[in-house]
Every structure is written in structure tokens, then in C-alpha cells.
């Protein structure tokens, strides 16, 4: 990957929708699930590694430090909430997608 410096050691998945259900699925599959999100998200109690902020701007501020922290805590997988395509979110999305190696989860209907 061209921008590998954005990527942590742990597998990163950007979750485009159905975030809460995907967290639950991953908590059954992996021992150390890490979650980075913003807003009102219910996180499975088995998920001990988490960073939850109030807004996309705060999300941008903590995103990569959270990934590095989760690496230090031996996360098996990092689930990152996707952002919309407005304003600063475009820059967040660009870095986020590179850090996950374009590895996404999106529930289809």
C-alpha cells in the first residue's frame, strides 16, 4: 500500500452500515475487538477497547492515535465507523480508507 504509515498492525475494517450488529458479530469471532465511533452507538460489553466521541470533528482528532493505542493493547481487529461525504469528512474518509486498505463491511439488503 502506498500510504502504509496510516495503517496500524491490527486489521482495520471500515463499517459503512449496521455498525452495532457488526460489532456483536466480531465480538463473537475475535478476542480483542476495538471500536472507534462517534455519536450514539451501543457497544457490546465484551468489547473493552473503544473510543467514542460526539462528532466527526472529534473523530478526526482521535482516529489515528486511537488506532496506535489499540495496536499497543493487542487488538485483533479495529472497527471504524464510516463518515459521510461532507466537509472535513472527505479528508477523514480518505485517510480512513487508506488505513484499512479499503477493507469495508457493508450489509446488503
Protein backbone atom coordinates (compact mmCIF):
# COMPACT_ATOMS: atom_id res chain seq x y z
CA UNK A 1 0.00 0.00 0.00
CA UNK A 2 1.35 3.43 -0.92
CA UNK A 3 0.37 5.10 2.38
CA UNK A 4 1.21 2.30 4.80
CA UNK A 5 2.08 4.80 7.56
CA UNK A 6 -1.67 5.28 8.06
CA UNK A 7 -2.20 1.58 8.77
CA UNK A 8 -1.91 0.02 12.22
CA UNK A 9 -0.73 -3.58 12.69
CA UNK A 10 -4.24 -4.80 13.56
CA UNK A 11 -6.76 -5.48 10.82
CA UNK A 12 -8.96 -2.41 10.27
CA UNK A 13 -12.47 -2.60 8.86
CA UNK A 14 -14.48 0.49 7.98
CA UNK A 15 -18.10 -0.27 8.75
CA UNK A 16 -20.45 1.51 6.36
CA UNK A 17 -23.77 0.47 7.94
CA UNK A 18 -25.31 -1.90 10.50
CA UNK A 19 -22.48 -0.92 12.87
CA UNK A 20 -23.95 -2.23 16.12
CA UNK A 21 -24.77 -5.67 14.67
CA UNK A 22 -21.34 -6.00 13.08
CA UNK A 23 -19.70 -5.16 16.41
CA UNK A 24 -21.68 -8.01 18.00
CA UNK A 25 -20.65 -10.43 15.23
CA UNK A 26 -16.99 -9.52 15.65
CA UNK A 27 -17.17 -9.88 19.43
CA UNK A 28 -18.17 -13.49 18.89
CA UNK A 29 -15.33 -14.09 16.41
CA UNK A 30 -12.39 -12.20 17.93
CA UNK A 31 -10.97 -11.92 21.41
CA UNK A 32 -9.88 -8.25 21.33
CA UNK A 33 -12.25 -6.10 19.28
CA UNK A 34 -11.57 -2.37 19.18
CA UNK A 35 -14.19 0.19 18.14
CA UNK A 36 -13.77 3.80 17.03
CA UNK A 37 -17.01 5.68 16.52
CA UNK A 38 -18.96 8.86 17.09
CA UNK A 39 -22.50 9.54 18.15
CA UNK A 40 -24.93 7.31 19.99
CA UNK A 41 -23.72 3.76 19.32
CA UNK A 42 -24.46 0.81 21.60
CA UNK A 43 -21.27 -1.21 22.00
CA UNK A 44 -21.24 -4.83 23.11
CA UNK A 45 -19.99 -5.18 26.71
CA UNK A 46 -17.44 -7.77 25.54
CA UNK A 47 -15.75 -5.00 23.60
CA UNK A 48 -13.30 -3.49 26.10
CA UNK A 49 -11.30 -1.39 23.63
CA UNK A 50 -13.28 1.61 22.48
CA UNK A 51 -13.08 5.29 21.67
CA UNK A 52 -16.43 7.04 21.37
CA UNK A 53 -16.67 10.75 20.62
CA UNK A 54 -19.53 13.16 19.98
CA UNK A 55 -18.83 14.46 16.48
CA UNK A 56 -16.98 13.75 13.24
CA UNK A 57 -14.54 16.57 14.08
CA UNK A 58 -13.60 14.90 17.37
CA UNK A 59 -13.43 11.61 15.45
CA UNK A 60 -10.83 13.12 13.12
CA UNK A 61 -8.80 14.32 16.09
CA UNK A 62 -8.55 10.90 17.80
CA UNK A 63 -8.70 8.48 14.87
CA UNK A 64 -5.03 7.63 14.37
CA UNK A 65 -3.94 7.96 17.98
CA UNK A 66 -6.76 5.54 18.85
CA UNK A 67 -5.52 3.06 16.23
CA UNK A 68 -1.98 3.26 17.62
CA UNK A 69 -3.31 2.81 21.18
CA UNK A 70 -5.33 -0.22 20.09
CA UNK A 71 -2.23 -1.72 18.48
CA UNK A 72 -0.39 -1.35 21.80
CA UNK A 73 -3.32 -3.12 23.50
CA UNK A 74 -3.10 -6.04 21.04
CA UNK A 75 -6.41 -5.52 19.26
CA UNK A 76 -7.23 -8.35 16.85
CA UNK A 77 -9.46 -6.12 14.75
CA UNK A 78 -10.33 -2.42 14.73
CA UNK A 79 -13.83 -1.45 13.61
CA UNK A 80 -14.08 2.15 12.48
CA UNK A 81 -17.35 3.90 11.76
CA UNK A 82 -17.58 5.36 8.26
CA UNK A 83 -18.33 9.08 7.76
CA UNK A 84 -20.46 10.87 5.19
CA UNK A 85 -19.11 12.84 2.22
CA UNK A 86 -19.42 16.40 3.52
CA UNK A 87 -16.86 18.97 4.62
CA UNK A 88 -13.89 17.72 6.64
CA UNK A 89 -15.31 14.22 6.44
CA UNK A 90 -13.88 13.86 2.93
CA UNK A 91 -10.36 14.17 4.34
CA UNK A 92 -11.20 11.82 7.21
CA UNK A 93 -12.63 9.29 4.77
CA UNK A 94 -9.54 9.45 2.56
CA UNK A 95 -7.16 8.66 5.44
CA UNK A 96 -9.51 6.14 6.99
CA UNK A 97 -9.90 4.18 3.75
CA UNK A 98 -6.14 4.09 3.23
CA UNK A 99 -5.53 2.89 6.79
CA UNK A 100 -7.94 -0.02 6.34
CA UNK A 101 -6.52 -0.98 2.95
CA UNK A 102 -10.01 -0.42 1.50
CA UNK A 103 -11.38 -3.23 3.67
CA UNK A 104 -15.08 -2.49 4.26
CA UNK A 105 -18.14 -4.08 5.77
CA UNK A 106 -21.47 -3.12 4.26
CA UNK A 107 -24.63 -5.10 4.89
CA UNK A 108 -26.60 -5.62 1.72
CA UNK A 109 -30.36 -5.77 1.78
